[in-house]
Amino acid sequence: MIDWNIHPSAQQEYEEALLHFRAIDERLVIVFETCYREYFHSILSNPHLCNLRQHSSRRVNLQPRFGESYIACMIWEEKVVIFAVAHAKRRPCYWRDRISEAKEIF
């Protein structure tokens, strides 16, 4: 498995998603966490399988139940850097500034 870092804002988004699902139904939290972890480990196992986007960013959609949510990441200095846990229909690409921030932080 490859080394990784998570942008502080991405960590906050993950935690906010958990709170959102907890407010709806506690079972959704468990399902979301399980889905997120599966994709997270999949990204770390083979980050080149993620869809390549603009500015060297990569994206993987959380399927099947959370298909509108995705993890945005990049490969930077032989590490996977996760810089967003986002919802596809909210503020598209708001996280682009985090690419340069992540390069400075990590």
C-alpha atoms as a PDB file:
ATOM      1  CA  MET A   1       0.000   0.000   0.000  1.00  0.00           C
ATOM      2  CA  ILE A   2       1.206   3.466  -0.857  1.00  0.00           C
ATOM      3  CA  ASP A   3       1.872   6.377   1.531  1.00  0.00           C
ATOM      4  CA  TRP A   4      -0.935   8.927   1.827  1.00  0.00           C
ATOM      5  CA  ASN A   5      -2.033  12.242   3.326  1.00  0.00           C
ATOM      6  CA  ILE A   6      -5.407  13.882   3.649  1.00  0.00           C
ATOM      7  CA  HIS A   7      -5.959  17.611   3.316  1.00  0.00           C
ATOM      8  CA  PRO A   8      -7.470  19.005   6.554  1.00  0.00           C
ATOM      9  CA  SER A   9     -10.470  20.331   4.625  1.00  0.00           C
ATOM     10  CA  ALA A  10     -11.103  16.895   3.117  1.00  0.00           C
ATOM     11  CA  GLN A  11     -11.032  15.369   6.597  1.00  0.00           C
ATOM     12  CA  GLN A  12     -13.567  17.972   7.708  1.00  0.00           C
ATOM     13  CA  GLU A  13     -15.789  17.181   4.708  1.00  0.00           C
ATOM     14  CA  TYR A  14     -15.698  13.497   5.576  1.00  0.00           C
ATOM     15  CA  GLU A  15     -16.732  14.252   9.145  1.00  0.00           C
ATOM     16  CA  GLU A  16     -19.499  16.591   7.946  1.00  0.00           C
ATOM     17  CA  ALA A  17     -20.815  13.846   5.651  1.00  0.00           C
ATOM     18  CA  LEU A  18     -20.980  11.501   8.628  1.00  0.00           C
ATOM     19  CA  LEU A  19     -22.945  14.092  10.614  1.00  0.00           C
ATOM     20  CA  HIS A  20     -25.288  14.613   7.671  1.00  0.00           C
ATOM     21  CA  PHE A  21     -26.029  10.902   7.358  1.00  0.00           C
ATOM     22  CA  ARG A  22     -26.320  10.497  11.132  1.00  0.00           C
ATOM     23  CA  ALA A  23     -29.074  13.128  11.140  1.00  0.00           C
ATOM     24  CA  ILE A  24     -30.977  11.055   8.568  1.00  0.00           C
ATOM     25  CA  ASP A  25     -30.391   7.530   9.851  1.00  0.00           C
ATOM     26  CA  GLU A  26     -27.591   5.992  11.915  1.00  0.00           C
ATOM     27  CA  ARG A  27     -27.452   3.039   9.521  1.00  0.00           C
ATOM     28  CA  LEU A  28     -26.444   5.396   6.696  1.00  0.00           C
ATOM     29  CA  VAL A  29     -23.350   6.362   8.675  1.00  0.00           C
ATOM     30  CA  ILE A  30     -22.207   2.757   8.780  1.00  0.00           C
ATOM     31  CA  VAL A  31     -22.916   2.239   5.086  1.00  0.00           C
ATOM     32  CA  PHE A  32     -21.140   5.484   4.120  1.00  0.00           C
ATOM     33  CA  GLU A  33     -18.104   4.719   6.287  1.00  0.00           C
ATOM     34  CA  THR A  34     -17.834   1.229   4.829  1.00  0.00           C
ATOM     35  CA  CYS A  35     -18.152   2.532   1.268  1.00  0.00           C
ATOM     36  CA  TYR A  36     -15.618   5.317   1.896  1.00  0.00           C
ATOM     37  CA  ARG A  37     -13.094   2.941   3.450  1.00  0.00           C
ATOM     38  CA  GLU A  38     -13.409   0.449   0.592  1.00  0.00           C
ATOM     39  CA  TYR A  39     -12.741   3.143  -1.993  1.00  0.00           C
ATOM     40  CA  PHE A  40     -10.017   4.712   0.135  1.00  0.00           C
ATOM     41  CA  HIS A  41      -8.146   1.398   0.320  1.00  0.00           C
ATOM     42  CA  SER A  42      -8.756   0.819  -3.373  1.00  0.00           C
ATOM     43  CA  ILE A  43      -7.198   4.215  -4.154  1.00  0.00           C
ATOM     44  CA  LEU A  44      -4.185   3.418  -1.995  1.00  0.00           C
ATOM     45  CA  SER A  45      -3.806  -0.008  -3.579  1.00  0.00           C
ATOM     46  CA  ASN A  46      -3.831   1.328  -7.126  1.00  0.00           C
ATOM     47  CA  PRO A  47      -4.163   5.126  -7.425  1.00  0.00           C
ATOM     48  CA  HIS A  48      -3.659   5.057 -11.202  1.00  0.00           C
ATOM     49  CA  LEU A  49      -7.049   3.404 -11.637  1.00  0.00           C
ATOM     50  CA  CYS A  50      -8.799   6.595 -10.510  1.00  0.00           C
ATOM     51  CA  ASN A  51     -10.205   8.747 -13.282  1.00  0.00           C
ATOM     52  CA  LEU A  52      -7.649  11.357 -14.327  1.00  0.00           C
ATOM     53  CA  ARG A  53      -9.101  14.878 -14.367  1.00  0.00           C
ATOM     54  CA  GLN A  54      -7.761  18.384 -14.953  1.00  0.00           C
ATOM     55  CA  HIS A  55      -4.678  19.682 -13.144  1.00  0.00           C
ATOM     56  CA  SER A  56      -3.409  16.131 -12.444  1.00  0.00           C
ATOM     57  CA  SER A  57      -6.289  15.479 -10.064  1.00  0.00           C
ATOM     58  CA  ARG A  58      -7.988  12.123  -9.912  1.00  0.00           C
ATOM     59  CA  ARG A  59     -11.493  11.207  -8.894  1.00  0.00           C
ATOM     60  CA  VAL A  60     -13.384   8.139  -7.795  1.00  0.00           C
ATOM     61  CA  ASN A  61     -17.154   8.128  -7.352  1.00  0.00           C
ATOM     62  CA  LEU A  62     -18.520   6.333  -4.324  1.00  0.00           C
ATOM     63  CA  GLN A  63     -20.886   3.661  -5.596  1.00  0.00           C
ATOM     64  CA  PRO A  64     -23.594   2.472  -5.528  1.00  0.00           C
ATOM     65  CA  ARG A  65     -25.610   4.268  -2.871  1.00  0.00           C
ATOM     66  CA  PHE A  66     -23.373   7.320  -2.623  1.00  0.00           C
ATOM     67  CA  GLY A  67     -22.736   7.787  -6.343  1.00  0.00           C
ATOM     68  CA  GLU A  68     -23.049  11.562  -6.112  1.00  0.00           C
ATOM     69  CA  SER A  69     -20.217  11.669  -3.595  1.00  0.00           C
ATOM     70  CA  TYR A  70     -16.626  11.281  -4.654  1.00  0.00           C
ATOM     71  CA  ILE A  71     -13.067  11.367  -3.431  1.00  0.00           C
ATOM     72  CA  ALA A  72     -10.726  13.769  -5.208  1.00  0.00           C
ATOM     73  CA  CYS A  73      -7.040  12.998  -4.946  1.00  0.00           C
ATOM     74  CA  MET A  74      -3.700  13.231  -6.695  1.00  0.00           C
ATOM     75  CA  ILE A  75      -0.401  11.451  -6.721  1.00  0.00           C
ATOM     76  CA  TRP A  76       2.241  13.791  -5.370  1.00  0.00           C
ATOM     77  CA  GLU A  77       5.840  12.811  -4.689  1.00  0.00           C
ATOM     78  CA  GLU A  78       4.964   9.117  -4.581  1.00  0.00           C
ATOM     79  CA  LYS A  79       2.086   9.681  -2.147  1.00  0.00           C
ATOM     80  CA  VAL A  80      -1.651   9.770  -2.576  1.00  0.00           C
ATOM     81  CA  VAL A  81      -3.041  13.070  -1.359  1.00  0.00           C
ATOM     82  CA  ILE A  82      -6.778  13.225  -0.775  1.00  0.00           C
ATOM     83  CA  PHE A  83      -7.967  16.798  -1.021  1.00  0.00           C
ATOM     84  CA  ALA A  84     -11.760  16.509  -1.145  1.00  0.00           C
ATOM     85  CA  VAL A  85     -14.642  14.315  -0.098  1.00  0.00           C
ATOM     86  CA  ALA A  86     -17.216  16.076  -2.219  1.00  0.00           C
ATOM     87  CA  HIS A  87     -20.758  15.932  -3.503  1.00  0.00           C
ATOM     88  CA  ALA A  88     -20.983  16.136  -7.293  1.00  0.00           C
ATOM     89  CA  LYS A  89     -23.960  18.487  -7.337  1.00  0.00           C
ATOM     90  CA  ARG A  90     -22.599  21.033  -4.881  1.00  0.00           C
ATOM     91  CA  ARG A  91     -20.132  23.690  -5.989  1.00  0.00           C
ATOM     92  CA  PRO A  92     -18.273  21.717  -8.648  1.00  0.00           C
ATOM     93  CA  CYS A  93     -14.493  21.895  -8.415  1.00  0.00           C
ATOM     94  CA  TYR A  94     -14.489  24.234  -5.395  1.00  0.00           C
ATOM     95  CA  TRP A  95     -11.531  22.270  -4.090  1.00  0.00           C
ATOM     96  CA  ARG A  96      -9.097  23.092  -6.946  1.00  0.00           C
ATOM     97  CA  ASP A  97      -7.140  25.551  -4.794  1.00  0.00           C
ATOM     98  CA  ARG A  98      -6.352  22.656  -2.490  1.00  0.00           C
ATOM     99  CA  ILE A  99      -4.154  21.093  -5.151  1.00  0.00           C
ATOM    100  CA  SER A 100      -1.482  23.762  -4.764  1.00  0.00           C
ATOM    101  CA  GLU A 101      -2.077  23.931  -0.987  1.00  0.00           C
ATOM    102  CA  ALA A 102      -1.541  20.176  -0.714  1.00  0.00           C
ATOM    103  CA  LYS A 103       1.690  20.397  -2.682  1.00  0.00           C
ATOM    104  CA  GLU A 104       2.949  22.948  -0.161  1.00  0.00           C
ATOM    105  CA  ILE A 105       1.683  21.092   2.925  1.00  0.00           C
ATOM    106  CA  PHE A 106       2.751  17.587   1.947  1.00  0.00           C
END
